[in-house]
Full PDB file with SEQRES, HELIX, SHEET, SSBOND, CRYST1, ORIGX, SCALE, CONECT and MASTER records, all heavy atoms in Angstrom:
SEQRES   1 A   40  ILE ALA ALA GLY ALA THR THR VAL ASN ILE PRO ASP THR          
SEQRES   2 A   40  VAL GLY TYR THR THR PRO ARG GLU PHE GLY ALA LEU ILE          
SEQRES   3 A   40  ARG GLY ILE LYS GLU ASN VAL PRO ASN ILE ASP GLN ALA          
SEQRES   4 A   40  ILE                                                          
HELIX    1 AA1 PRO A   19  ASN A   32  1                                  14    
HELIX    2 AA2 ILE A   36  GLN A   38  5                                   3    
CRYST1    1.000    1.000    1.000  90.00  90.00  90.00 P 1           1          
ORIGX1      1.000000  0.000000  0.000000        0.00000                         
ORIGX2      0.000000  1.000000  0.000000        0.00000                         
ORIGX3      0.000000  0.000000  1.000000        0.00000                         
SCALE1      1.000000  0.000000  0.000000        0.00000                         
SCALE2      0.000000  1.000000  0.000000        0.00000                         
SCALE3      0.000000  0.000000  1.000000        0.00000                         
ATOM      1  N   ILE A   1       0.891  -1.192   0.046  1.00  0.00           N  
ATOM      2  CA  ILE A   1       0.018   0.036  -0.009  1.00  0.00           C  
ATOM      3  C   ILE A   1       0.864   1.237   0.032  1.00  0.00           C  
ATOM      4  O   ILE A   1       0.615   2.313  -0.692  1.00  0.00           O  
ATOM      5  CB  ILE A   1      -0.946  -0.051   1.221  1.00  0.00           C  
ATOM      6  CG1 ILE A   1      -1.965  -1.176   1.085  1.00  0.00           C  
ATOM      7  CG2 ILE A   1      -1.782   1.257   1.256  1.00  0.00           C  
ATOM      8  CD1 ILE A   1      -2.765  -1.527   2.320  1.00  0.00           C  
ATOM      9  N   ALA A   2       1.954   1.242   0.778  1.00  0.00           N  
ATOM     10  CA  ALA A   2       2.848   2.311   0.912  1.00  0.00           C  
ATOM     11  C   ALA A   2       3.522   2.634  -0.565  1.00  0.00           C  
ATOM     12  O   ALA A   2       3.733   3.752  -0.910  1.00  0.00           O  
ATOM     13  CB  ALA A   2       3.883   2.165   1.918  1.00  0.00           C  
ATOM     14  N   ALA A   3       3.644   1.546  -1.258  1.00  0.00           N  
ATOM     15  CA  ALA A   3       4.313   1.659  -2.562  1.00  0.00           C  
ATOM     16  C   ALA A   3       3.182   2.069  -3.698  1.00  0.00           C  
ATOM     17  O   ALA A   3       3.693   2.348  -4.802  1.00  0.00           O  
ATOM     18  CB  ALA A   3       4.951   0.304  -2.992  1.00  0.00           C  
ATOM     19  N   GLY A   4       2.015   2.148  -3.389  1.00  0.00           N  
ATOM     20  CA  GLY A   4       0.974   2.556  -4.330  1.00  0.00           C  
ATOM     21  C   GLY A   4      -0.114   1.618  -4.632  1.00  0.00           C  
ATOM     22  O   GLY A   4      -1.036   2.025  -5.455  1.00  0.00           O  
ATOM     23  N   ALA A   5      -0.192   0.473  -3.996  1.00  0.00           N  
ATOM     24  CA  ALA A   5      -1.379  -0.317  -4.302  1.00  0.00           C  
ATOM     25  C   ALA A   5      -2.677   0.288  -3.783  1.00  0.00           C  
ATOM     26  O   ALA A   5      -2.735   0.717  -2.734  1.00  0.00           O  
ATOM     27  CB  ALA A   5      -1.114  -1.718  -3.621  1.00  0.00           C  
ATOM     28  N   THR A   6      -3.654   0.287  -4.643  1.00  0.00           N  
ATOM     29  CA  THR A   6      -4.947   0.867  -4.353  1.00  0.00           C  
ATOM     30  C   THR A   6      -5.937  -0.277  -3.981  1.00  0.00           C  
ATOM     31  O   THR A   6      -7.030   0.029  -3.335  1.00  0.00           O  
ATOM     32  CB  THR A   6      -5.505   1.678  -5.433  1.00  0.00           C  
ATOM     33  OG1 THR A   6      -5.438   0.970  -6.645  1.00  0.00           O  
ATOM     34  CG2 THR A   6      -4.738   3.001  -5.544  1.00  0.00           C  
ATOM     35  N   THR A   7      -5.626  -1.542  -4.315  1.00  0.00           N  
ATOM     36  CA  THR A   7      -6.403  -2.693  -3.879  1.00  0.00           C  
ATOM     37  C   THR A   7      -5.527  -3.741  -3.426  1.00  0.00           C  
ATOM     38  O   THR A   7      -4.474  -3.965  -4.099  1.00  0.00           O  
ATOM     39  CB  THR A   7      -7.352  -3.258  -5.043  1.00  0.00           C  
ATOM     40  OG1 THR A   7      -8.164  -2.232  -5.531  1.00  0.00           O  
ATOM     41  CG2 THR A   7      -8.083  -4.444  -4.674  1.00  0.00           C  
ATOM     42  N   VAL A   8      -5.791  -4.316  -2.373  1.00  0.00           N  
ATOM     43  CA  VAL A   8      -4.943  -5.525  -1.840  1.00  0.00           C  
ATOM     44  C   VAL A   8      -5.859  -6.698  -1.794  1.00  0.00           C  
ATOM     45  O   VAL A   8      -6.887  -6.697  -1.113  1.00  0.00           O  
ATOM     46  CB  VAL A   8      -4.283  -5.227  -0.538  1.00  0.00           C  
ATOM     47  CG1 VAL A   8      -3.059  -4.319  -0.661  1.00  0.00           C  
ATOM     48  CG2 VAL A   8      -5.241  -4.803   0.603  1.00  0.00           C  
ATOM     49  N   ASN A   9      -5.463  -7.749  -2.529  1.00  0.00           N  
ATOM     50  CA  ASN A   9      -6.368  -8.830  -2.632  1.00  0.00           C  
ATOM     51  C   ASN A   9      -5.768 -10.051  -1.777  1.00  0.00           C  
ATOM     52  O   ASN A   9      -4.510 -10.314  -1.743  1.00  0.00           O  
ATOM     53  CB  ASN A   9      -6.305  -9.299  -4.095  1.00  0.00           C  
ATOM     54  CG  ASN A   9      -7.098 -10.561  -4.411  1.00  0.00           C  
ATOM     55  OD1 ASN A   9      -8.230 -10.703  -3.922  1.00  0.00           O  
ATOM     56  ND2 ASN A   9      -6.500 -11.557  -5.083  1.00  0.00           N  
ATOM     57  N   ILE A  10      -6.614 -10.739  -1.088  1.00  0.00           N  
ATOM     58  CA  ILE A  10      -6.317 -11.756  -0.192  1.00  0.00           C  
ATOM     59  C   ILE A  10      -6.753 -13.150  -0.731  1.00  0.00           C  
ATOM     60  O   ILE A  10      -7.856 -13.495  -0.676  1.00  0.00           O  
ATOM     61  CB  ILE A  10      -6.892 -11.595   1.212  1.00  0.00           C  
ATOM     62  CG1 ILE A  10      -6.703 -10.152   1.711  1.00  0.00           C  
ATOM     63  CG2 ILE A  10      -6.350 -12.554   2.267  1.00  0.00           C  
ATOM     64  CD1 ILE A  10      -5.262  -9.615   1.776  1.00  0.00           C  
ATOM     65  N   PRO A  11      -5.777 -13.845  -1.412  1.00  0.00           N  
ATOM     66  CA  PRO A  11      -6.210 -15.082  -1.976  1.00  0.00           C  
ATOM     67  C   PRO A  11      -6.147 -16.366  -1.104  1.00  0.00           C  
ATOM     68  O   PRO A  11      -5.138 -16.467  -0.343  1.00  0.00           O  
ATOM     69  CB  PRO A  11      -5.239 -15.286  -3.155  1.00  0.00           C  
ATOM     70  CG  PRO A  11      -4.279 -14.128  -3.114  1.00  0.00           C  
ATOM     71  CD  PRO A  11      -4.387 -13.520  -1.700  1.00  0.00           C  
ATOM     72  N   ASP A  12      -7.183 -17.146  -1.087  1.00  0.00           N  
ATOM     73  CA  ASP A  12      -7.162 -18.468  -0.500  1.00  0.00           C  
ATOM     74  C   ASP A  12      -6.795 -19.400  -1.711  1.00  0.00           C  
ATOM     75  O   ASP A  12      -7.637 -20.012  -2.401  1.00  0.00           O  
ATOM     76  CB  ASP A  12      -8.484 -18.823   0.057  1.00  0.00           C  
ATOM     77  CG  ASP A  12      -8.461 -20.223   0.687  1.00  0.00           C  
ATOM     78  OD1 ASP A  12      -7.418 -20.724   0.933  1.00  0.00           O  
ATOM     79  OD2 ASP A  12      -9.554 -20.767   0.922  1.00  0.00           O  
ATOM     80  N   THR A  13      -5.477 -19.442  -2.144  1.00  0.00           N  
ATOM     81  CA  THR A  13      -5.023 -19.996  -3.371  1.00  0.00           C  
ATOM     82  C   THR A  13      -5.304 -21.518  -3.521  1.00  0.00           C  
ATOM     83  O   THR A  13      -5.636 -21.956  -4.591  1.00  0.00           O  
ATOM     84  CB  THR A  13      -3.539 -19.798  -3.557  1.00  0.00           C  
ATOM     85  OG1 THR A  13      -3.225 -18.404  -3.511  1.00  0.00           O  
ATOM     86  CG2 THR A  13      -3.072 -20.405  -4.799  1.00  0.00           C  
ATOM     87  N   VAL A  14      -5.333 -22.160  -2.387  1.00  0.00           N  
ATOM     88  CA  VAL A  14      -5.554 -23.627  -2.495  1.00  0.00           C  
ATOM     89  C   VAL A  14      -6.833 -24.153  -1.916  1.00  0.00           C  
ATOM     90  O   VAL A  14      -7.170 -25.268  -1.641  1.00  0.00           O  
ATOM     91  CB  VAL A  14      -4.343 -24.431  -1.753  1.00  0.00           C  
ATOM     92  CG1 VAL A  14      -3.124 -24.202  -2.507  1.00  0.00           C  
ATOM     93  CG2 VAL A  14      -4.143 -23.946  -0.342  1.00  0.00           C  
ATOM     94  N   GLY A  15      -7.717 -23.060  -1.539  1.00  0.00           N  
ATOM     95  CA  GLY A  15      -9.123 -23.521  -1.045  1.00  0.00           C  
ATOM     96  C   GLY A  15      -8.988 -24.226   0.358  1.00  0.00           C  
ATOM     97  O   GLY A  15      -9.814 -25.148   0.579  1.00  0.00           O  
ATOM     98  N   TYR A  16      -8.165 -23.697   1.162  1.00  0.00           N  
ATOM     99  CA  TYR A  16      -7.895 -24.471   2.440  1.00  0.00           C  
ATOM    100  C   TYR A  16      -8.690 -23.916   3.634  1.00  0.00           C  
ATOM    101  O   TYR A  16      -9.010 -24.520   4.523  1.00  0.00           O  
ATOM    102  CB  TYR A  16      -6.423 -24.348   2.762  1.00  0.00           C  
ATOM    103  CG  TYR A  16      -5.938 -25.129   4.014  1.00  0.00           C  
ATOM    104  CD1 TYR A  16      -5.869 -26.387   4.068  1.00  0.00           C  
ATOM    105  CD2 TYR A  16      -5.502 -24.275   5.096  1.00  0.00           C  
ATOM    106  CE1 TYR A  16      -5.477 -27.076   5.254  1.00  0.00           C  
ATOM    107  CE2 TYR A  16      -5.183 -24.909   6.286  1.00  0.00           C  
ATOM    108  CZ  TYR A  16      -5.098 -26.283   6.367  1.00  0.00           C  
ATOM    109  OH  TYR A  16      -4.723 -26.971   7.494  1.00  0.00           O  
ATOM    110  N   THR A  17      -8.912 -22.634   3.676  1.00  0.00           N  
ATOM    111  CA  THR A  17      -9.422 -21.951   4.803  1.00  0.00           C  
ATOM    112  C   THR A  17     -11.009 -22.270   4.978  1.00  0.00           C  
ATOM    113  O   THR A  17     -11.698 -22.615   3.984  1.00  0.00           O  
ATOM    114  CB  THR A  17      -9.247 -20.452   4.810  1.00  0.00           C  
ATOM    115  OG1 THR A  17      -9.882 -19.934   3.574  1.00  0.00           O  
ATOM    116  CG2 THR A  17      -7.759 -20.154   4.833  1.00  0.00           C  
ATOM    117  N   THR A  18     -11.456 -22.006   6.292  1.00  0.00           N  
ATOM    118  CA  THR A  18     -12.810 -22.254   6.572  1.00  0.00           C  
ATOM    119  C   THR A  18     -13.393 -20.778   6.752  1.00  0.00           C  
ATOM    120  O   THR A  18     -12.631 -19.784   6.919  1.00  0.00           O  
ATOM    121  CB  THR A  18     -13.094 -23.007   7.808  1.00  0.00           C  
ATOM    122  OG1 THR A  18     -12.462 -22.422   8.961  1.00  0.00           O  
ATOM    123  CG2 THR A  18     -12.455 -24.412   7.700  1.00  0.00           C  
ATOM    124  N   PRO A  19     -14.818 -20.610   6.665  1.00  0.00           N  
ATOM    125  CA  PRO A  19     -15.297 -19.296   6.821  1.00  0.00           C  
ATOM    126  C   PRO A  19     -14.830 -18.455   8.096  1.00  0.00           C  
ATOM    127  O   PRO A  19     -14.538 -17.331   7.937  1.00  0.00           O  
ATOM    128  CB  PRO A  19     -16.814 -19.532   6.839  1.00  0.00           C  
ATOM    129  CG  PRO A  19     -17.011 -20.760   5.985  1.00  0.00           C  
ATOM    130  CD  PRO A  19     -15.806 -21.637   6.321  1.00  0.00           C  
ATOM    131  N   ARG A  20     -14.858 -19.155   9.218  1.00  0.00           N  
ATOM    132  CA  ARG A  20     -14.459 -18.412  10.423  1.00  0.00           C  
ATOM    133  C   ARG A  20     -13.003 -17.977  10.400  1.00  0.00           C  
ATOM    134  O   ARG A  20     -12.601 -16.866  10.737  1.00  0.00           O  
ATOM    135  CB  ARG A  20     -14.700 -19.245  11.655  1.00  0.00           C  
ATOM    136  CG  ARG A  20     -14.286 -18.644  12.930  1.00  0.00           C  
ATOM    137  CD  ARG A  20     -14.544 -19.454  14.219  1.00  0.00           C  
ATOM    138  NE  ARG A  20     -15.951 -19.474  14.436  1.00  0.00           N  
ATOM    139  CZ  ARG A  20     -16.608 -20.239  15.419  1.00  0.00           C  
ATOM    140  NH1 ARG A  20     -15.756 -20.724  16.360  1.00  0.00           N  
ATOM    141  NH2 ARG A  20     -17.869 -20.343  15.578  1.00  0.00           N  
ATOM    142  N   GLU A  21     -12.125 -18.912   9.805  1.00  0.00           N  
ATOM    143  CA  GLU A  21     -10.659 -18.563   9.640  1.00  0.00           C  
ATOM    144  C   GLU A  21     -10.540 -17.315   8.749  1.00  0.00           C  
ATOM    145  O   GLU A  21      -9.775 -16.453   8.982  1.00  0.00           O  
ATOM    146  CB  GLU A  21      -9.931 -19.672   9.197  1.00  0.00           C  
ATOM    147  CG  GLU A  21      -9.797 -20.765  10.229  1.00  0.00           C  
ATOM    148  CD  GLU A  21      -9.135 -21.994   9.535  1.00  0.00           C  
ATOM    149  OE1 GLU A  21      -9.455 -22.373   8.452  1.00  0.00           O  
ATOM    150  OE2 GLU A  21      -8.298 -22.619  10.253  1.00  0.00           O  
ATOM    151  N   PHE A  22     -11.173 -17.424   7.605  1.00  0.00           N  
ATOM    152  CA  PHE A  22     -11.067 -16.404   6.543  1.00  0.00           C  
ATOM    153  C   PHE A  22     -11.674 -15.031   7.015  1.00  0.00           C  
ATOM    154  O   PHE A  22     -10.988 -13.981   6.761  1.00  0.00           O  
ATOM    155  CB  PHE A  22     -11.799 -16.860   5.228  1.00  0.00           C  
ATOM    156  CG  PHE A  22     -11.290 -16.106   3.931  1.00  0.00           C  
ATOM    157  CD1 PHE A  22      -9.959 -16.185   3.713  1.00  0.00           C  
ATOM    158  CD2 PHE A  22     -12.038 -15.493   3.207  1.00  0.00           C  
ATOM    159  CE1 PHE A  22      -9.459 -15.703   2.489  1.00  0.00           C  
ATOM    160  CE2 PHE A  22     -11.680 -14.859   2.057  1.00  0.00           C  
ATOM    161  CZ  PHE A  22     -10.354 -14.978   1.688  1.00  0.00           C  
ATOM    162  N   GLY A  23     -12.743 -15.047   7.765  1.00  0.00           N  
ATOM    163  CA  GLY A  23     -13.209 -13.761   8.274  1.00  0.00           C  
ATOM    164  C   GLY A  23     -12.331 -13.269   9.253  1.00  0.00           C  
ATOM    165  O   GLY A  23     -12.081 -11.988   9.318  1.00  0.00           O  
ATOM    166  N   ALA A  24     -11.694 -14.104  10.118  1.00  0.00           N  
ATOM    167  CA  ALA A  24     -10.816 -13.570  11.091  1.00  0.00           C  
ATOM    168  C   ALA A  24      -9.445 -12.952  10.429  1.00  0.00           C  
ATOM    169  O   ALA A  24      -8.985 -11.995  10.910  1.00  0.00           O  
ATOM    170  CB  ALA A  24     -10.281 -14.712  12.081  1.00  0.00           C  
ATOM    171  N   LEU A  25      -9.072 -13.600   9.298  1.00  0.00           N  
ATOM    172  CA  LEU A  25      -7.984 -13.125   8.561  1.00  0.00           C  
ATOM    173  C   LEU A  25      -8.253 -11.689   8.067  1.00  0.00           C  
ATOM    174  O   LEU A  25      -7.382 -10.771   8.174  1.00  0.00           O  
ATOM    175  CB  LEU A  25      -7.582 -14.107   7.372  1.00  0.00           C  
ATOM    176  CG  LEU A  25      -6.453 -13.615   6.442  1.00  0.00           C  
ATOM    177  CD1 LEU A  25      -5.155 -13.548   7.237  1.00  0.00           C  
ATOM    178  CD2 LEU A  25      -6.336 -14.644   5.337  1.00  0.00           C  
ATOM    179  N   ILE A  26      -9.311 -11.426   7.505  1.00  0.00           N  
ATOM    180  CA  ILE A  26      -9.829 -10.200   6.941  1.00  0.00           C  
ATOM    181  C   ILE A  26      -9.881  -9.168   8.156  1.00  0.00           C  
ATOM    182  O   ILE A  26      -9.279  -7.957   7.996  1.00  0.00           O  
ATOM    183  CB  ILE A  26     -11.040 -10.128   6.148  1.00  0.00           C  
ATOM    184  CG1 ILE A  26     -10.979 -11.149   5.016  1.00  0.00           C  
ATOM    185  CG2 ILE A  26     -11.441  -8.799   5.709  1.00  0.00           C  
ATOM    186  CD1 ILE A  26      -9.816 -10.874   4.102  1.00  0.00           C  
ATOM    187  N   ARG A  27     -10.483  -9.584   9.224  1.00  0.00           N  
ATOM    188  CA  ARG A  27     -10.584  -8.641  10.358  1.00  0.00           C  
ATOM    189  C   ARG A  27      -9.239  -8.342  10.913  1.00  0.00           C  
ATOM    190  O   ARG A  27      -8.958  -7.179  11.366  1.00  0.00           O  
ATOM    191  CB  ARG A  27     -11.426  -9.327  11.476  1.00  0.00           C  
ATOM    192  CG  ARG A  27     -11.747  -8.459  12.711  1.00  0.00           C  
ATOM    193  CD  ARG A  27     -12.907  -9.096  13.513  1.00  0.00           C  
ATOM    194  NE  ARG A  27     -12.436 -10.326  14.128  1.00  0.00           N  
ATOM    195  CZ  ARG A  27     -12.825 -11.547  13.706  1.00  0.00           C  
ATOM    196  NH1 ARG A  27     -13.751 -11.663  12.677  1.00  0.00           N  
ATOM    197  NH2 ARG A  27     -12.441 -12.614  14.251  1.00  0.00           N  
ATOM    198  N   GLY A  28      -8.296  -9.301  10.944  1.00  0.00           N  
ATOM    199  CA  GLY A  28      -6.872  -8.998  11.442  1.00  0.00           C  
ATOM    200  C   GLY A  28      -6.303  -7.982  10.615  1.00  0.00           C  
ATOM    201  O   GLY A  28      -5.562  -7.160  11.070  1.00  0.00           O  
ATOM    202  N   ILE A  29      -6.407  -8.189   9.324  1.00  0.00           N  
ATOM    203  CA  ILE A  29      -5.843  -7.074   8.352  1.00  0.00           C  
ATOM    204  C   ILE A  29      -6.352  -5.720   8.613  1.00  0.00           C  
ATOM    205  O   ILE A  29      -5.568  -4.735   8.705  1.00  0.00           O  
ATOM    206  CB  ILE A  29      -6.140  -7.536   6.875  1.00  0.00           C  
ATOM    207  CG1 ILE A  29      -5.320  -8.920   6.573  1.00  0.00           C  
ATOM    208  CG2 ILE A  29      -5.780  -6.413   5.886  1.00  0.00           C  
ATOM    209  CD1 ILE A  29      -5.634  -9.472   5.239  1.00  0.00           C  
ATOM    210  N   LYS A  30      -7.596  -5.581   8.870  1.00  0.00           N  
ATOM    211  CA  LYS A  30      -8.329  -4.312   9.138  1.00  0.00           C  
ATOM    212  C   LYS A  30      -7.698  -3.714  10.356  1.00  0.00           C  
ATOM    213  O   LYS A  30      -7.575  -2.521  10.487  1.00  0.00           O  
ATOM    214  CB  LYS A  30      -9.771  -4.553   9.247  1.00  0.00           C  
ATOM    215  CG  LYS A  30     -10.579  -4.836   8.008  1.00  0.00           C  
ATOM    216  CD  LYS A  30     -11.018  -3.536   7.278  1.00  0.00           C  
ATOM    217  CE  LYS A  30     -12.049  -2.741   7.934  1.00  0.00           C  
ATOM    218  NZ  LYS A  30     -12.397  -1.573   7.067  1.00  0.00           N  
ATOM    219  N   GLU A  31      -7.440  -4.561  11.350  1.00  0.00           N  
ATOM    220  CA  GLU A  31      -6.979  -4.108  12.689  1.00  0.00           C  
ATOM    221  C   GLU A  31      -5.466  -3.895  12.809  1.00  0.00           C  
ATOM    222  O   GLU A  31      -4.987  -3.192  13.615  1.00  0.00           O  
ATOM    223  CB  GLU A  31      -7.445  -5.091  13.688  1.00  0.00           C  
ATOM    224  CG  GLU A  31      -9.013  -5.106  13.875  1.00  0.00           C  
ATOM    225  CD  GLU A  31      -9.428  -6.243  14.805  1.00  0.00           C  
ATOM    226  OE1 GLU A  31      -8.552  -7.084  15.198  1.00  0.00           O  
ATOM    227  OE2 GLU A  31     -10.604  -6.348  15.111  1.00  0.00           O  
ATOM    228  N   ASN A  32      -4.634  -4.599  11.895  1.00  0.00           N  
ATOM    229  CA  ASN A  32      -3.225  -4.559  12.120  1.00  0.00           C  
ATOM    230  C   ASN A  32      -2.364  -3.980  11.012  1.00  0.00           C  
ATOM    231  O   ASN A  32      -1.182  -3.983  11.131  1.00  0.00           O  
ATOM    232  CB  ASN A  32      -2.791  -6.058  12.367  1.00  0.00           C  
ATOM    233  CG  ASN A  32      -3.327  -6.544  13.644  1.00  0.00           C  
ATOM    234  OD1 ASN A  32      -2.845  -6.228  14.728  1.00  0.00           O  
ATOM    235  ND2 ASN A  32      -4.333  -7.442  13.593  1.00  0.00           N  
ATOM    236  N   VAL A  33      -3.016  -3.630   9.916  1.00  0.00           N  
ATOM    237  CA  VAL A  33      -2.286  -2.965   8.828  1.00  0.00           C  
ATOM    238  C   VAL A  33      -2.647  -1.360   8.825  1.00  0.00           C  
ATOM    239  O   VAL A  33      -3.715  -1.015   8.643  1.00  0.00           O  
ATOM    240  CB  VAL A  33      -2.754  -3.471   7.415  1.00  0.00           C  
ATOM    241  CG1 VAL A  33      -1.971  -2.776   6.267  1.00  0.00           C  
ATOM    242  CG2 VAL A  33      -2.459  -4.967   7.339  1.00  0.00           C  
ATOM    243  N   PRO A  34      -1.611  -0.611   9.327  1.00  0.00           N  
ATOM    244  CA  PRO A  34      -1.834   0.820   9.634  1.00  0.00           C  
ATOM    245  C   PRO A  34      -2.514   1.594   8.521  1.00  0.00           C  
ATOM    246  O   PRO A  34      -3.242   2.513   8.787  1.00  0.00           O  
ATOM    247  CB  PRO A  34      -0.496   1.315  10.064  1.00  0.00           C  
ATOM    248  CG  PRO A  34       0.272   0.073  10.453  1.00  0.00           C  
ATOM    249  CD  PRO A  34      -0.120  -0.979   9.563  1.00  0.00           C  
ATOM    250  N   ASN A  35      -2.114   1.323   7.329  1.00  0.00           N  
ATOM    251  CA  ASN A  35      -2.509   2.176   6.177  1.00  0.00           C  
ATOM    252  C   ASN A  35      -3.669   1.472   5.366  1.00  0.00           C  
ATOM    253  O   ASN A  35      -3.773   1.817   4.200  1.00  0.00           O  
ATOM    254  CB  ASN A  35      -1.357   2.579   5.197  1.00  0.00           C  
ATOM    255  CG  ASN A  35      -0.565   1.279   4.754  1.00  0.00           C  
ATOM    256  OD1 ASN A  35      -0.864   0.197   5.170  1.00  0.00           O  
ATOM    257  ND2 ASN A  35       0.449   1.581   3.974  1.00  0.00           N  
ATOM    258  N   ILE A  36      -4.310   0.462   5.934  1.00  0.00           N  
ATOM    259  CA  ILE A  36      -5.333  -0.273   5.168  1.00  0.00           C  
ATOM    260  C   ILE A  36      -6.485   0.595   4.721  1.00  0.00           C  
ATOM    261  O   ILE A  36      -7.192   0.296   3.771  1.00  0.00           O  
ATOM    262  CB  ILE A  36      -5.813  -1.513   6.055  1.00  0.00           C  
ATOM    263  CG1 ILE A  36      -6.666  -2.456   5.093  1.00  0.00           C  
ATOM    264  CG2 ILE A  36      -6.786  -0.868   7.188  1.00  0.00           C  
ATOM    265  CD1 ILE A  36      -5.883  -3.126   4.108  1.00  0.00           C  
ATOM    266  N   ASP A  37      -6.692   1.791   5.319  1.00  0.00           N  
ATOM    267  CA  ASP A  37      -7.820   2.667   4.933  1.00  0.00           C  
ATOM    268  C   ASP A  37      -7.446   3.300   3.583  1.00  0.00           C  
ATOM    269  O   ASP A  37      -8.266   3.950   2.929  1.00  0.00           O  
ATOM    270  CB  ASP A  37      -8.070   3.721   5.948  1.00  0.00           C  
ATOM    271  CG  ASP A  37      -6.784   4.662   6.202  1.00  0.00           C  
ATOM    272  OD1 ASP A  37      -5.720   4.111   6.063  1.00  0.00           O  
ATOM    273  OD2 ASP A  37      -7.024   5.743   6.554  1.00  0.00           O  
ATOM    274  N   GLN A  38      -6.264   3.110   3.167  1.00  0.00           N  
ATOM    275  CA  GLN A  38      -5.879   3.742   1.723  1.00  0.00           C  
ATOM    276  C   GLN A  38      -6.047   2.724   0.539  1.00  0.00           C  
ATOM    277  O   GLN A  38      -5.677   2.997  -0.568  1.00  0.00           O  
ATOM    278  CB  GLN A  38      -4.359   4.112   1.829  1.00  0.00           C  
ATOM    279  CG  GLN A  38      -4.134   5.203   2.899  1.00  0.00           C  
ATOM    280  CD  GLN A  38      -2.624   5.522   2.912  1.00  0.00           C  
ATOM    281  OE1 GLN A  38      -1.889   5.505   1.871  1.00  0.00           O  
ATOM    282  NE2 GLN A  38      -2.171   5.856   4.094  1.00  0.00           N  
ATOM    283  N   ALA A  39      -6.596   1.548   0.940  1.00  0.00           N  
ATOM    284  CA  ALA A  39      -6.792   0.529  -0.112  1.00  0.00           C  
ATOM    285  C   ALA A  39      -8.087  -0.285   0.024  1.00  0.00           C  
ATOM    286  O   ALA A  39      -8.665  -0.256   1.199  1.00  0.00           O  
ATOM    287  CB  ALA A  39      -5.614  -0.408  -0.193  1.00  0.00           C  
ATOM    288  N   ILE A  40      -8.647  -0.712  -0.996  1.00  0.00           N  
ATOM    289  CA  ILE A  40      -9.807  -1.614  -0.870  1.00  0.00           C  
ATOM    290  C   ILE A  40      -9.264  -3.060  -0.608  1.00  0.00           C  
ATOM    291  O   ILE A  40      -8.422  -3.595  -1.195  1.00  0.00           O  
ATOM    292  CB  ILE A  40     -10.616  -1.618  -2.286  1.00  0.00           C  
ATOM    293  CG1 ILE A  40     -11.179  -0.166  -2.377  1.00  0.00           C  
ATOM    294  CG2 ILE A  40     -11.590  -2.711  -2.267  1.00  0.00           C  
ATOM    295  CD1 ILE A  40     -11.829   0.020  -3.682  1.00  0.00           C  
TER     296      ILE A  40                                                      
MASTER        0    0    0    2    0    0    0    6  295    1    0    4          
END                                                                             
């Protein structure tokens, strides 16, 4: 994001995660990436 990404995509590349895990991953990103408000 600091380098200019306007969208950051979170891939479950191998179809491994479960809904609760995936939701927690997105929530963790919202809470722990300081500049996440600058990207979708």
